[in-house]
Protein backbone atom coordinates (compact mmCIF):
# COMPACT_ATOMS: atom_id res chain seq x y z
CA UNK A 1 160.95 -319.43 -0.34
CA UNK A 2 158.26 -319.66 -2.98
CA UNK A 3 156.17 -316.57 -3.69
CA UNK A 4 153.14 -316.14 -5.90
CA UNK A 5 153.77 -313.17 -8.18
CA UNK A 6 151.08 -311.38 -10.11
CA UNK A 7 152.18 -310.26 -13.54
CA UNK A 8 150.38 -308.47 -16.33
CA UNK A 9 148.76 -310.88 -18.74
CA UNK A 10 149.23 -313.83 -16.39
CA UNK A 11 146.14 -314.40 -14.29
CA UNK A 12 147.04 -317.87 -12.98
CA UNK A 13 149.39 -316.55 -10.25
CA UNK A 14 152.84 -317.54 -11.42
CA UNK A 15 154.95 -319.15 -8.70
CA UNK A 16 158.58 -318.05 -8.64
CA UNK A 17 161.55 -318.55 -6.36
CA UNK A 18 162.19 -315.29 -4.51
CA UNK A 19 165.29 -314.50 -2.49
CA UNK A 20 164.88 -314.86 1.24
CA UNK A 21 165.24 -311.51 3.04
CA UNK A 22 168.28 -311.28 5.30
CA UNK A 23 167.70 -311.91 9.01
CA UNK A 24 167.43 -308.96 11.35
CA UNK A 25 170.73 -307.92 12.94
CA UNK A 26 171.48 -308.78 16.55
CA UNK A 27 171.27 -306.03 19.22
CA UNK A 28 175.09 -305.81 19.35
CA UNK A 29 175.29 -305.17 15.60
CA UNK A 30 172.45 -302.69 15.79
CA UNK A 31 174.05 -300.49 18.46
CA UNK A 32 177.26 -300.28 16.42
CA UNK A 33 175.40 -299.19 13.28
CA UNK A 34 173.46 -296.31 14.94
CA UNK A 35 170.12 -298.05 14.87
CA UNK A 36 168.32 -298.43 18.20
CA UNK A 37 167.91 -301.91 19.67
CA UNK A 38 164.15 -301.95 19.00
CA UNK A 39 164.58 -301.53 15.22
CA UNK A 40 164.19 -297.76 15.15
CA UNK A 41 166.61 -295.21 13.74
CA UNK A 42 167.36 -291.63 14.72
CA UNK A 43 167.38 -288.93 12.04
CA UNK A 44 167.71 -285.17 11.87
CA UNK A 45 164.50 -283.70 10.44
CA UNK A 46 163.40 -280.16 9.59
CA UNK A 47 160.23 -279.03 11.39
CA UNK A 48 158.22 -276.04 10.24
CA UNK A 49 154.62 -274.96 9.98
CA UNK A 50 153.63 -274.54 6.35
CA UNK A 51 150.33 -272.92 5.36
CA UNK A 52 147.71 -274.83 3.42
CA UNK A 53 147.51 -273.15 0.05
CA UNK A 54 144.07 -274.49 -0.75
CA UNK A 55 142.61 -272.79 2.32
CA UNK A 56 144.12 -269.42 1.41
CA UNK A 57 142.88 -269.63 -2.18
CA UNK A 58 139.37 -270.72 -1.11
CA UNK A 59 139.15 -267.87 1.40
CA UNK A 60 140.26 -265.54 -1.40
CA UNK A 61 137.50 -266.92 -3.64
CA UNK A 62 134.89 -266.35 -0.91
CA UNK A 63 136.07 -262.76 -0.42
CA UNK A 64 135.88 -262.29 -4.20
CA UNK A 65 132.27 -263.48 -4.31
CA UNK A 66 131.34 -261.18 -1.42
CA UNK A 67 133.15 -258.24 -3.03
CA UNK A 68 131.34 -258.85 -6.35
CA UNK A 69 127.98 -258.95 -4.54
CA UNK A 70 128.69 -255.72 -2.67
CA UNK A 71 129.93 -253.91 -5.78
CA UNK A 72 126.99 -255.11 -7.88
CA UNK A 73 124.21 -254.10 -5.55
CA UNK A 74 125.81 -250.93 -4.20
CA UNK A 75 126.44 -249.39 -7.61
CA UNK A 76 123.96 -246.71 -8.64
CA UNK A 77 121.74 -247.34 -11.62
CA UNK A 78 120.98 -244.84 -14.32
CA UNK A 79 120.31 -241.33 -13.00
CA UNK A 80 116.76 -240.14 -13.80
CA UNK A 81 116.44 -242.97 -16.30
CA UNK A 82 119.25 -241.53 -18.46
CA UNK A 83 122.43 -243.57 -18.88
CA UNK A 84 125.39 -242.74 -21.09
CA UNK A 85 126.71 -246.28 -20.90
CA UNK A 86 125.02 -249.32 -22.38
CA UNK A 87 122.56 -250.72 -19.88
CA UNK A 88 123.40 -254.08 -18.38
CA UNK A 89 121.17 -256.06 -16.16
CA UNK A 90 122.35 -256.60 -12.53
CA UNK A 91 123.09 -260.28 -13.14
CA UNK A 92 125.36 -259.47 -16.08
CA UNK A 93 127.21 -256.94 -13.97
CA UNK A 94 127.47 -259.50 -11.17
CA UNK A 95 128.90 -262.08 -13.60
CA UNK A 96 131.58 -259.72 -14.90
CA UNK A 97 132.49 -258.54 -11.43
CA UNK A 98 132.50 -262.11 -10.13
CA UNK A 99 135.07 -263.19 -12.71
CA UNK A 100 137.30 -260.18 -12.02
CA UNK A 101 137.00 -260.18 -8.22
CA UNK A 102 137.39 -263.94 -7.75
CA UNK A 103 140.49 -264.14 -9.94
CA UNK A 104 142.03 -261.13 -8.18
CA UNK A 105 141.30 -262.24 -4.60
CA UNK A 106 142.26 -265.89 -5.24
CA UNK A 107 145.61 -264.66 -6.57
CA UNK A 108 146.04 -262.42 -3.53
CA UNK A 109 145.24 -265.38 -1.25
CA UNK A 110 147.89 -267.51 -2.97
CA UNK A 111 150.45 -264.69 -2.67
CA UNK A 112 149.63 -264.33 1.01
CA UNK A 113 150.16 -268.08 1.48
CA UNK A 114 153.55 -267.77 -0.25
CA UNK A 115 154.55 -264.98 2.12
CA UNK A 116 153.52 -267.05 5.15
CA UNK A 117 155.41 -270.03 3.71
CA UNK A 118 158.61 -267.98 3.40
CA UNK A 119 158.14 -266.70 6.93
CA UNK A 120 157.68 -270.22 8.27
CA UNK A 121 160.79 -271.40 6.40
CA UNK A 122 162.85 -268.82 8.29
CA UNK A 123 161.46 -270.07 11.59
CA UNK A 124 162.14 -273.73 10.85
CA UNK A 125 164.24 -275.78 13.23
CA UNK A 126 166.05 -279.08 13.10
CA UNK A 127 165.17 -281.77 15.62
CA UNK A 128 166.13 -285.39 16.18
CA UNK A 129 163.36 -287.83 15.36
CA UNK A 130 163.21 -291.55 15.99
CA UNK A 131 161.76 -293.67 13.18
CA UNK A 132 160.26 -296.98 14.25
CA UNK A 133 160.67 -299.87 11.85
CA UNK A 134 157.18 -301.08 11.05
CA UNK A 135 156.29 -304.51 9.66
CA UNK A 136 156.88 -303.34 6.05
CA UNK A 137 160.21 -301.61 6.86
CA UNK A 138 161.85 -304.74 8.27
CA UNK A 139 162.24 -306.43 4.88
CA UNK A 140 163.07 -303.33 2.85
């Protein structure tokens, strides 16, 4: 069987002799080897529901932004125009709080996802799955 192979630096499509893949086994051979007659195999697989970490972190970021907004605009300003601390504008305060709150709540969201992942690992179960041999699996 002649196959056109693409190689680096060779753009003319080099033709090489490739080994012919072995023929598929007969149904009698297949049943003896544990593979179903239709080319599928049975395997033991672990099934569990794992959380999506990105979702937990993004929800944590959103809570951090909301918390920074609430803390910024609910904080009292200087009393009677007298302030013992340096005066910062509301946007500067929001920026500082945004950095602190987002990093804290995103970390809490990731930790919560880790806890849910451990919980789901304890509830995992093993089942028998049947893998069908697709067109690319037949020659592998």
